[in-house]
Amino acid sequence: IKGLKALGANILIQHGSVKAWVANSEKRLRGAKILFNYPSVGATETILMAASLAKGTTVIKNAAKEPEIQDLAKMLNLMGAKIKGAGTSQIIIEGVNELKGCKYAVMPDRIEAGTFLIAAAITRSNILVGPVIFNHLESLLIKLEECGCKLSKEGQFIRIFSKDIKGVNITTQPYPGFPTDLQAPFMALMTTAKGKSTISETVFENRMQHIEQLTKLGAKIVLDHNVAHIEGVKQLKSNYVQGGDLRSTAAIILASL
């Protein structure tokens, strides 16, 4: 919202709704220099799209570097946008008058692939996942190997074989660190690991709502602010549980496997 205001949008937040409009005579956003307090993916993507059709040049500093940002910029450039620096902390957008249609293949989803890899680990299974972009998954693959999984590349696919899983520690970070969207699924895996593990959430506040549900399934987890201390159990048990956000629900499904 701060970024859109910097581009000249008027924004009113009232009774749980957001109203946004442009009041200048051209009915058009205008380029600006925008500094994010935090490299938010959603904020970077929103400003990237808005600035593509704004008048003049926009500079985003402390931009998110996630692969999804780069993929969006590639597509926007194919549509006629002028974007440089996507994937770095500074992105420069030269506004254009219009965008045109294009054909574009969206890149493989690293969070989806990661969720299936964790599904293999938590069920001690051998599966093939793909297509994937390996360097997008690097932080997860390191932790999967560290906890006892065997991984091998087969073309654009990755094979995972898991048998004995041991506890490891993770801390979520902006890309290329361990993704916050895989924090809850990885915690589900750690509830079944041998030994203890610690999971620290540094990206989002209040993103540990799955803990209460996992404990209903027999997990041993103690939460201290945004740090979860987990002691693995031999067997989880069935129960009635309730999904929270998108990723916590994925974690509950994985635990239920």
C-alpha atoms as a PDB file:
ATOM      1  CA  ILE A   1       0.000   0.000   0.000  1.00  0.00           C
ATOM      2  CA  LYS A   2       2.878   2.386   0.777  1.00  0.00           C
ATOM      3  CA  GLY A   3       4.377   1.535  -2.600  1.00  0.00           C
ATOM      4  CA  LEU A   4       1.132   2.170  -4.465  1.00  0.00           C
ATOM      5  CA  LYS A   5       0.738   5.486  -2.633  1.00  0.00           C
ATOM      6  CA  ALA A   6       4.277   6.439  -3.720  1.00  0.00           C
ATOM      7  CA  LEU A   7       3.171   5.778  -7.322  1.00  0.00           C
ATOM      8  CA  GLY A   8       0.321   8.244  -6.862  1.00  0.00           C
ATOM      9  CA  ALA A   9      -2.581   6.028  -5.855  1.00  0.00           C
ATOM     10  CA  ASN A  10      -5.133   7.241  -3.331  1.00  0.00           C
ATOM     11  CA  ILE A  11      -6.018   4.471  -0.914  1.00  0.00           C
ATOM     12  CA  LEU A  12      -8.749   4.348   1.693  1.00  0.00           C
ATOM     13  CA  ILE A  13      -9.000   1.454   4.134  1.00  0.00           C
ATOM     14  CA  GLN A  14     -12.436   1.392   5.721  1.00  0.00           C
ATOM     15  CA  HIS A  15     -14.522  -1.322   7.408  1.00  0.00           C
ATOM     16  CA  GLY A  16     -12.238  -4.104   6.193  1.00  0.00           C
ATOM     17  CA  SER A  17     -12.240  -2.953   2.549  1.00  0.00           C
ATOM     18  CA  VAL A  18      -9.534  -1.262   0.498  1.00  0.00           C
ATOM     19  CA  LYS A  19     -10.560   1.375  -2.038  1.00  0.00           C
ATOM     20  CA  ALA A  20      -7.923   2.574  -4.506  1.00  0.00           C
ATOM     21  CA  TRP A  21      -8.051   5.151  -7.260  1.00  0.00           C
ATOM     22  CA  VAL A  22      -5.900   7.572  -9.256  1.00  0.00           C
ATOM     23  CA  ALA A  23      -7.057  11.191  -9.089  1.00  0.00           C
ATOM     24  CA  ASN A  24      -4.609  13.012 -11.395  1.00  0.00           C
ATOM     25  CA  SER A  25      -5.777  14.354 -14.767  1.00  0.00           C
ATOM     26  CA  GLU A  26      -4.074  11.574 -16.714  1.00  0.00           C
ATOM     27  CA  LYS A  27      -5.690   8.866 -14.562  1.00  0.00           C
ATOM     28  CA  ARG A  28      -2.285   7.198 -14.516  1.00  0.00           C
ATOM     29  CA  LEU A  29       0.225   6.162 -11.880  1.00  0.00           C
ATOM     30  CA  ARG A  30       3.626   7.899 -11.932  1.00  0.00           C
ATOM     31  CA  GLY A  31       7.071   6.419 -11.432  1.00  0.00           C
ATOM     32  CA  ALA A  32       8.763   6.797  -8.053  1.00  0.00           C
ATOM     33  CA  LYS A  33      11.631   5.578  -5.910  1.00  0.00           C
ATOM     34  CA  ILE A  34      10.377   2.971  -3.456  1.00  0.00           C
ATOM     35  CA  LEU A  35      12.338   1.473  -0.554  1.00  0.00           C
ATOM     36  CA  PHE A  36      10.843  -1.595   1.111  1.00  0.00           C
ATOM     37  CA  ASN A  37      11.399  -2.052   4.847  1.00  0.00           C
ATOM     38  CA  TYR A  38      11.347  -5.793   4.151  1.00  0.00           C
ATOM     39  CA  PRO A  39      11.896  -7.642   0.842  1.00  0.00           C
ATOM     40  CA  SER A  40       8.283  -8.806   0.498  1.00  0.00           C
ATOM     41  CA  VAL A  41       7.457 -11.036  -2.488  1.00  0.00           C
ATOM     42  CA  GLY A  42       3.845  -9.902  -2.759  1.00  0.00           C
ATOM     43  CA  ALA A  43       4.733  -6.224  -2.437  1.00  0.00           C
ATOM     44  CA  THR A  44       7.510  -6.514  -5.036  1.00  0.00           C
ATOM     45  CA  GLU A  45       5.190  -8.284  -7.501  1.00  0.00           C
ATOM     46  CA  THR A  46       2.398  -5.745  -6.976  1.00  0.00           C
ATOM     47  CA  ILE A  47       4.655  -2.734  -7.557  1.00  0.00           C
ATOM     48  CA  LEU A  48       6.333  -4.480 -10.502  1.00  0.00           C
ATOM     49  CA  MET A  49       2.975  -4.803 -12.274  1.00  0.00           C
ATOM     50  CA  ALA A  50       1.692  -1.367 -11.300  1.00  0.00           C
ATOM     51  CA  ALA A  51       4.923   0.396 -12.317  1.00  0.00           C
ATOM     52  CA  SER A  52       4.988  -1.312 -15.729  1.00  0.00           C
ATOM     53  CA  LEU A  53       2.149   0.946 -16.879  1.00  0.00           C
ATOM     54  CA  ALA A  54       3.055   4.007 -14.775  1.00  0.00           C
ATOM     55  CA  LYS A  55       4.405   7.160 -16.414  1.00  0.00           C
ATOM     56  CA  GLY A  56       8.168   7.486 -15.954  1.00  0.00           C
ATOM     57  CA  THR A  57      10.748   5.376 -14.144  1.00  0.00           C
ATOM     58  CA  THR A  58      10.257   3.420 -10.929  1.00  0.00           C
ATOM     59  CA  VAL A  59      13.123   2.125  -8.806  1.00  0.00           C
ATOM     60  CA  ILE A  60      12.396  -0.556  -6.181  1.00  0.00           C
ATOM     61  CA  LYS A  61      15.108  -0.911  -3.545  1.00  0.00           C
ATOM     62  CA  ASN A  62      15.376  -3.854  -1.131  1.00  0.00           C
ATOM     63  CA  ALA A  63      13.224  -5.820  -3.578  1.00  0.00           C
ATOM     64  CA  ALA A  64      12.495  -9.511  -3.050  1.00  0.00           C
ATOM     65  CA  LYS A  65      14.789 -11.826  -5.069  1.00  0.00           C
ATOM     66  CA  GLU A  66      12.598 -14.947  -5.245  1.00  0.00           C
ATOM     67  CA  PRO A  67      12.461 -16.912  -8.531  1.00  0.00           C
ATOM     68  CA  GLU A  68       8.776 -15.965  -8.833  1.00  0.00           C
ATOM     69  CA  ILE A  69       9.805 -12.288  -9.149  1.00  0.00           C
ATOM     70  CA  GLN A  70      12.155 -13.152 -11.997  1.00  0.00           C
ATOM     71  CA  ASP A  71       9.507 -15.262 -13.726  1.00  0.00           C
ATOM     72  CA  LEU A  72       6.902 -12.488 -13.498  1.00  0.00           C
ATOM     73  CA  ALA A  73       9.374  -9.932 -14.884  1.00  0.00           C
ATOM     74  CA  LYS A  74      10.211 -12.215 -17.835  1.00  0.00           C
ATOM     75  CA  MET A  75       6.548 -12.482 -18.737  1.00  0.00           C
ATOM     76  CA  LEU A  76       5.893  -8.753 -18.307  1.00  0.00           C
ATOM     77  CA  ASN A  77       8.883  -7.977 -20.555  1.00  0.00           C
ATOM     78  CA  LEU A  78       7.462 -10.326 -23.196  1.00  0.00           C
ATOM     79  CA  MET A  79       4.234  -8.323 -22.927  1.00  0.00           C
ATOM     80  CA  GLY A  80       6.155  -5.118 -23.663  1.00  0.00           C
ATOM     81  CA  ALA A  81       7.237  -3.944 -20.212  1.00  0.00           C
ATOM     82  CA  LYS A  82      10.756  -2.589 -19.614  1.00  0.00           C
ATOM     83  CA  ILE A  83      12.059  -4.171 -16.417  1.00  0.00           C
ATOM     84  CA  LYS A  84      15.709  -4.589 -15.415  1.00  0.00           C
ATOM     85  CA  GLY A  85      17.277  -6.135 -12.321  1.00  0.00           C
ATOM     86  CA  ALA A  86      14.614  -8.679 -11.350  1.00  0.00           C
ATOM     87  CA  GLY A  87      16.267 -11.203  -9.033  1.00  0.00           C
ATOM     88  CA  THR A  88      18.491  -8.523  -7.455  1.00  0.00           C
ATOM     89  CA  SER A  89      17.758  -6.138  -4.590  1.00  0.00           C
ATOM     90  CA  GLN A  90      17.195  -3.225  -7.002  1.00  0.00           C
ATOM     91  CA  ILE A  91      14.676  -3.345  -9.847  1.00  0.00           C
ATOM     92  CA  ILE A  92      14.258  -0.554 -12.402  1.00  0.00           C
ATOM     93  CA  ILE A  93      10.985  -0.274 -14.344  1.00  0.00           C
ATOM     94  CA  GLU A  94      10.564   2.113 -17.262  1.00  0.00           C
ATOM     95  CA  GLY A  95       6.805   2.628 -17.629  1.00  0.00           C
ATOM     96  CA  VAL A  96       5.184   1.916 -21.006  1.00  0.00           C
ATOM     97  CA  ASN A  97       1.842   3.046 -22.459  1.00  0.00           C
ATOM     98  CA  GLU A  98       0.399  -0.414 -22.973  1.00  0.00           C
ATOM     99  CA  LEU A  99       1.078  -4.141 -22.653  1.00  0.00           C
ATOM    100  CA  LYS A 100       0.220  -6.793 -25.215  1.00  0.00           C
ATOM    101  CA  GLY A 101      -0.676 -10.468 -24.894  1.00  0.00           C
ATOM    102  CA  CYS A 102       1.896 -13.252 -24.978  1.00  0.00           C
ATOM    103  CA  LYS A 103       2.331 -16.998 -24.562  1.00  0.00           C
ATOM    104  CA  TYR A 104       4.331 -17.965 -21.507  1.00  0.00           C
ATOM    105  CA  ALA A 105       5.077 -21.202 -19.654  1.00  0.00           C
ATOM    106  CA  VAL A 106       5.176 -20.595 -15.917  1.00  0.00           C
ATOM    107  CA  MET A 107       8.237 -22.115 -14.236  1.00  0.00           C
ATOM    108  CA  PRO A 108       7.928 -25.266 -12.070  1.00  0.00           C
ATOM    109  CA  ASP A 109       6.589 -24.415  -8.604  1.00  0.00           C
ATOM    110  CA  ARG A 110       9.331 -24.931  -6.015  1.00  0.00           C
ATOM    111  CA  ILE A 111       6.905 -24.949  -3.073  1.00  0.00           C
ATOM    112  CA  GLU A 112       4.693 -27.576  -4.702  1.00  0.00           C
ATOM    113  CA  ALA A 113       7.737 -29.718  -5.532  1.00  0.00           C
ATOM    114  CA  GLY A 114       9.084 -29.245  -1.999  1.00  0.00           C
ATOM    115  CA  THR A 115       5.776 -30.354  -0.492  1.00  0.00           C
ATOM    116  CA  PHE A 116       5.837 -33.603  -2.499  1.00  0.00           C
ATOM    117  CA  LEU A 117       9.473 -34.228  -1.514  1.00  0.00           C
ATOM    118  CA  ILE A 118       8.526 -33.823   2.155  1.00  0.00           C
ATOM    119  CA  ALA A 119       5.555 -36.164   1.565  1.00  0.00           C
ATOM    120  CA  ALA A 120       8.059 -38.802   0.443  1.00  0.00           C
ATOM    121  CA  ALA A 121      10.233 -38.193   3.483  1.00  0.00           C
ATOM    122  CA  ILE A 122       7.406 -38.345   6.031  1.00  0.00           C
ATOM    123  CA  THR A 123       6.110 -41.638   4.569  1.00  0.00           C
ATOM    124  CA  ARG A 124       9.669 -43.008   4.205  1.00  0.00           C
ATOM    125  CA  SER A 125       8.979 -43.497   0.494  1.00  0.00           C
ATOM    126  CA  ASN A 126      10.817 -43.523  -2.817  1.00  0.00           C
ATOM    127  CA  ILE A 127       9.292 -41.147  -5.366  1.00  0.00           C
ATOM    128  CA  LEU A 128      10.250 -39.156  -8.460  1.00  0.00           C
ATOM    129  CA  VAL A 129       9.263 -35.459  -8.566  1.00  0.00           C
ATOM    130  CA  GLY A 130       9.513 -33.181 -11.555  1.00  0.00           C
ATOM    131  CA  PRO A 131      10.071 -31.179 -13.542  1.00  0.00           C
ATOM    132  CA  VAL A 132      11.989 -29.059 -11.046  1.00  0.00           C
ATOM    133  CA  ILE A 133      14.613 -26.308 -11.142  1.00  0.00           C
ATOM    134  CA  PHE A 134      17.236 -27.676  -8.765  1.00  0.00           C
ATOM    135  CA  ASN A 135      18.819 -24.423  -7.599  1.00  0.00           C
ATOM    136  CA  HIS A 136      15.371 -23.112  -6.592  1.00  0.00           C
ATOM    137  CA  LEU A 137      15.133 -26.023  -4.127  1.00  0.00           C
ATOM    138  CA  GLU A 138      18.707 -25.944  -2.853  1.00  0.00           C
ATOM    139  CA  SER A 139      17.987 -24.874   0.749  1.00  0.00           C
ATOM    140  CA  LEU A 140      15.347 -27.616   1.151  1.00  0.00           C
ATOM    141  CA  LEU A 141      17.480 -30.309  -0.522  1.00  0.00           C
ATOM    142  CA  ILE A 142      20.364 -29.569   1.864  1.00  0.00           C
ATOM    143  CA  LYS A 143      18.072 -30.071   4.872  1.00  0.00           C
ATOM    144  CA  LEU A 144      16.467 -33.215   3.431  1.00  0.00           C
ATOM    145  CA  GLU A 145      19.910 -34.766   2.967  1.00  0.00           C
ATOM    146  CA  GLU A 146      20.953 -33.596   6.420  1.00  0.00           C
ATOM    147  CA  CYS A 147      17.973 -35.359   8.015  1.00  0.00           C
ATOM    148  CA  GLY A 148      18.746 -38.641   6.249  1.00  0.00           C
ATOM    149  CA  CYS A 149      17.113 -38.603   2.789  1.00  0.00           C
ATOM    150  CA  LYS A 150      18.959 -39.861  -0.293  1.00  0.00           C
ATOM    151  CA  LEU A 151      18.547 -37.617  -3.347  1.00  0.00           C
ATOM    152  CA  SER A 152      19.517 -38.090  -6.993  1.00  0.00           C
ATOM    153  CA  LYS A 153      18.950 -36.042 -10.149  1.00  0.00           C
ATOM    154  CA  GLU A 154      17.344 -37.720 -13.152  1.00  0.00           C
ATOM    155  CA  GLY A 155      17.148 -35.162 -15.958  1.00  0.00           C
ATOM    156  CA  GLN A 156      14.687 -32.475 -14.849  1.00  0.00           C
ATOM    157  CA  PHE A 157      13.400 -34.792 -12.122  1.00  0.00           C
ATOM    158  CA  ILE A 158      14.636 -35.524  -8.631  1.00  0.00           C
ATOM    159  CA  ARG A 159      14.324 -38.887  -6.909  1.00  0.00           C
ATOM    160  CA  ILE A 160      14.045 -39.031  -3.152  1.00  0.00           C
ATOM    161  CA  PHE A 161      14.446 -42.141  -1.027  1.00  0.00           C
ATOM    162  CA  SER A 162      13.952 -41.923   2.707  1.00  0.00           C
ATOM    163  CA  LYS A 163      14.150 -44.444   5.504  1.00  0.00           C
ATOM    164  CA  ASP A 164      15.583 -43.178   8.805  1.00  0.00           C
ATOM    165  CA  ILE A 165      14.861 -39.512   9.526  1.00  0.00           C
ATOM    166  CA  LYS A 166      16.722 -37.593  12.236  1.00  0.00           C
ATOM    167  CA  GLY A 167      16.000 -34.171  13.693  1.00  0.00           C
ATOM    168  CA  VAL A 168      17.637 -31.077  12.131  1.00  0.00           C
ATOM    169  CA  ASN A 169      17.296 -27.344  12.805  1.00  0.00           C
ATOM    170  CA  ILE A 170      15.973 -24.808  10.292  1.00  0.00           C
ATOM    171  CA  THR A 171      15.487 -21.039  10.195  1.00  0.00           C
ATOM    172  CA  THR A 172      13.270 -19.467   7.542  1.00  0.00           C
ATOM    173  CA  GLN A 173      14.786 -16.661   5.475  1.00  0.00           C
ATOM    174  CA  PRO A 174      14.012 -14.741   2.272  1.00  0.00           C
ATOM    175  CA  TYR A 175      15.283 -16.476  -0.888  1.00  0.00           C
ATOM    176  CA  PRO A 176      17.760 -18.162  -1.235  1.00  0.00           C
ATOM    177  CA  GLY A 177      17.265 -19.178   2.406  1.00  0.00           C
ATOM    178  CA  PHE A 178      14.838 -21.839   3.647  1.00  0.00           C
ATOM    179  CA  PRO A 179      11.355 -20.798   2.419  1.00  0.00           C
ATOM    180  CA  THR A 180       8.719 -19.862   4.962  1.00  0.00           C
ATOM    181  CA  ASP A 181       6.137 -21.677   2.816  1.00  0.00           C
ATOM    182  CA  LEU A 182       7.866 -24.993   3.593  1.00  0.00           C
ATOM    183  CA  GLN A 183       8.260 -24.320   7.310  1.00  0.00           C
ATOM    184  CA  ALA A 184       4.980 -25.969   8.349  1.00  0.00           C
ATOM    185  CA  PRO A 185       5.395 -29.054   6.093  1.00  0.00           C
ATOM    186  CA  PHE A 186       8.983 -29.527   7.310  1.00  0.00           C
ATOM    187  CA  MET A 187       7.781 -29.262  10.910  1.00  0.00           C
ATOM    188  CA  ALA A 188       5.341 -32.098  10.217  1.00  0.00           C
ATOM    189  CA  LEU A 189       8.315 -34.184   9.048  1.00  0.00           C
ATOM    190  CA  MET A 190      10.312 -33.321  12.160  1.00  0.00           C
ATOM    191  CA  THR A 191       7.504 -34.555  14.432  1.00  0.00           C
ATOM    192  CA  THR A 192       8.303 -38.080  13.162  1.00  0.00           C
ATOM    193  CA  ALA A 193      12.124 -37.754  13.251  1.00  0.00           C
ATOM    194  CA  LYS A 194      14.516 -39.363  15.698  1.00  0.00           C
ATOM    195  CA  GLY A 195      15.722 -36.865  18.299  1.00  0.00           C
ATOM    196  CA  LYS A 196      15.069 -33.167  18.728  1.00  0.00           C
ATOM    197  CA  SER A 197      14.855 -30.291  16.271  1.00  0.00           C
ATOM    198  CA  THR A 198      14.286 -26.535  16.336  1.00  0.00           C
ATOM    199  CA  ILE A 199      12.384 -24.514  13.737  1.00  0.00           C
ATOM    200  CA  SER A 200      12.641 -20.704  13.791  1.00  0.00           C
ATOM    201  CA  GLU A 201      10.220 -18.546  11.779  1.00  0.00           C
ATOM    202  CA  THR A 202      11.738 -15.155  10.915  1.00  0.00           C
ATOM    203  CA  VAL A 203       9.651 -14.130   7.884  1.00  0.00           C
ATOM    204  CA  PHE A 204       6.068 -14.012   9.181  1.00  0.00           C
ATOM    205  CA  GLU A 205       4.633 -13.467  12.628  1.00  0.00           C
ATOM    206  CA  ASN A 206       1.884 -15.822  13.797  1.00  0.00           C
ATOM    207  CA  ARG A 207       2.762 -18.532  11.298  1.00  0.00           C
ATOM    208  CA  MET A 208       2.796 -21.392  13.799  1.00  0.00           C
ATOM    209  CA  GLN A 209      -0.942 -22.084  14.027  1.00  0.00           C
ATOM    210  CA  HIS A 210      -0.387 -25.654  12.797  1.00  0.00           C
ATOM    211  CA  ILE A 211       1.373 -26.551  16.059  1.00  0.00           C
ATOM    212  CA  GLU A 212      -1.884 -26.953  18.000  1.00  0.00           C
ATOM    213  CA  GLN A 213      -3.238 -29.243  15.291  1.00  0.00           C
ATOM    214  CA  LEU A 214      -0.038 -31.305  15.056  1.00  0.00           C
ATOM    215  CA  THR A 215      -0.097 -31.846  18.824  1.00  0.00           C
ATOM    216  CA  LYS A 216      -3.639 -33.225  18.445  1.00  0.00           C
ATOM    217  CA  LEU A 217      -2.057 -35.838  16.174  1.00  0.00           C
ATOM    218  CA  GLY A 218       0.399 -36.778  18.944  1.00  0.00           C
ATOM    219  CA  ALA A 219       3.333 -34.485  18.106  1.00  0.00           C
ATOM    220  CA  LYS A 220       5.536 -33.155  20.923  1.00  0.00           C
ATOM    221  CA  ILE A 221       6.125 -29.453  20.222  1.00  0.00           C
ATOM    222  CA  VAL A 222       6.848 -26.537  22.555  1.00  0.00           C
ATOM    223  CA  LEU A 223       6.510 -23.033  21.109  1.00  0.00           C
ATOM    224  CA  ASP A 224       8.649 -20.169  22.441  1.00  0.00           C
ATOM    225  CA  HIS A 225       7.680 -16.985  20.558  1.00  0.00           C
ATOM    226  CA  ASN A 226       8.480 -17.834  16.901  1.00  0.00           C
ATOM    227  CA  VAL A 227      10.714 -20.817  17.719  1.00  0.00           C
ATOM    228  CA  ALA A 228       9.309 -24.347  17.847  1.00  0.00           C
ATOM    229  CA  HIS A 229      11.148 -27.038  19.817  1.00  0.00           C
ATOM    230  CA  ILE A 230      10.195 -30.494  18.564  1.00  0.00           C
ATOM    231  CA  GLU A 231      10.847 -33.933  20.011  1.00  0.00           C
ATOM    232  CA  GLY A 232      10.166 -36.669  17.482  1.00  0.00           C
ATOM    233  CA  VAL A 233       7.665 -39.428  18.246  1.00  0.00           C
ATOM    234  CA  LYS A 234       7.565 -42.979  16.857  1.00  0.00           C
ATOM    235  CA  GLN A 235       3.979 -42.760  15.658  1.00  0.00           C
ATOM    236  CA  LEU A 236       1.404 -40.033  15.107  1.00  0.00           C
ATOM    237  CA  LYS A 237      -2.264 -40.813  15.732  1.00  0.00           C
ATOM    238  CA  SER A 238      -5.474 -39.890  13.931  1.00  0.00           C
ATOM    239  CA  ASN A 239      -7.730 -37.146  15.251  1.00  0.00           C
ATOM    240  CA  TYR A 240     -10.171 -34.429  14.197  1.00  0.00           C
ATOM    241  CA  VAL A 241      -8.107 -31.408  13.164  1.00  0.00           C
ATOM    242  CA  GLN A 242      -8.787 -28.078  11.507  1.00  0.00           C
ATOM    243  CA  GLY A 243      -6.831 -26.443   8.689  1.00  0.00           C
ATOM    244  CA  GLY A 244      -5.630 -22.871   9.159  1.00  0.00           C
ATOM    245  CA  ASP A 245      -3.778 -21.122   6.368  1.00  0.00           C
ATOM    246  CA  LEU A 246      -2.752 -22.783   3.115  1.00  0.00           C
ATOM    247  CA  ARG A 247       0.636 -24.102   4.274  1.00  0.00           C
ATOM    248  CA  SER A 248      -0.463 -25.203   7.743  1.00  0.00           C
ATOM    249  CA  THR A 249      -3.189 -27.278   6.083  1.00  0.00           C
ATOM    250  CA  ALA A 250      -0.563 -28.883   3.836  1.00  0.00           C
ATOM    251  CA  ALA A 251       1.422 -29.735   6.992  1.00  0.00           C
ATOM    252  CA  ILE A 252      -1.612 -31.385   8.600  1.00  0.00           C
ATOM    253  CA  ILE A 253      -2.228 -33.468   5.454  1.00  0.00           C
ATOM    254  CA  LEU A 254       1.423 -34.559   5.393  1.00  0.00           C
ATOM    255  CA  ALA A 255       1.277 -35.518   9.084  1.00  0.00           C
ATOM    256  CA  SER A 256      -1.918 -37.471   8.410  1.00  0.00           C
ATOM    257  CA  LEU A 257      -0.125 -39.557   5.766  1.00  0.00           C
END
